Amino acid sequence: MHAISAADARTQSTTEPAPVRWLLTGVALCYLAIFLLTPLVSVFYEALSKGVALYWAALIDPEARSAIELTLWATLIAVPLNLVFGVAAAWAIAKFEFRGKQVLITLIDLPFSVSPVVAGLIYVLLFGAQGWLGPWLSAHDVKIIFAIPGIVLATVFVTFPFVARELIPLMQAQGTDEEQAALVLGASGWQTFYRVTLPNIKWGLLYGVILCTARAMGEFGAVSVVSGHIRGETNTIPLHVEILYNEYNFVGAFACASLLALTALLTLGLKSLVEWRASRPAASQAVPTEVLARAAASPAADAPGAPAARLPMAETY
């Protein structure tokens, strides 16, 4: 009888029998097929059930185009704002110790624990006609609720944790050794961030931006409260889908919903690509801290007309 190694013994003791593995795999696949794949297929089936002509007509309808444009504008405004906030908040939390740090972390997590509808109601209480700031805004002819600014504010609120929450654990795990070395060698704060910190967090940053964009385009609850559902003016794509469905315009509703489904698929693909790229072996990409610090502190990189100094780490990407 052949002797069984310790590694083989451990593998056998922690591996389920084949029938159990097949059963668990089958249950998982059935669950995905019922709750994810079937609704996704049904969206495109209903959207194209009356032909491509009606599908395209529903998408180029003036009200649909207005909803698409408003959704894109709200996303284009909210995502860069959350990008700046997320990087600044993650930098402060991961690199510094200060009073109120836990309070800041709690506030970042607030949109995860508060219903989007409640968030929309908060903005109505603040900026509505009968709200705290409503009389002042009316006197100065400033309209926030039932207008585009309110939609942007609601979108910013529900999406601002995503970038920060992706970067905080990443920057905490990386520590501050490289930044401190760059500062010791004479690099400025901006040089340290641009040439040391940013190359180390770029994949986590891109991941957070992707999630933030997907959430912004699909937001319904908070935007529904502050928009007023004014057709052709304050309706985003999710609100437009609801109105069309309630009017029994199923082709139009599912045609617009298919845009959100395509966005979700694109987001999933980009998310998988970023995860794969970030998980590649980093042995060949490792750069000594001293090299990074000297590259950050190099005065030639900031000379007028000189090409930007590239770090070895950035070149491997």
Foldseek 3Di string as FASTA:
>chain_A
DDDDDPVNVVVVVPDDDPVVVVVVVVVVVVVCCVPPVVVLVVLVCLLQVVHPVVLVVLCPPLLNVLQAVLLVVLLVVQLVVLLVVLVVLLCPLQAHDDPCSVVVVVQLCVLVVDDLLVVLVVVCQPCNCPHPCNVVCVVVVHDCFLASNVLSVSLNNNQNNQQNVLRNVQSNVVYCLLLVLLVVLPFDPVLSCVQPVCLSCVLSNVLSSLVSSLCSLPDDNSLVSRNNLDGSGRHHLVSVLVVCVVVVVRNSNSSSVNVSVVSVVVSVVVNVVSVVVVPPDCPVLDDDSNQSSCLSRDPQLVPPPHPHRHGSNVVVD
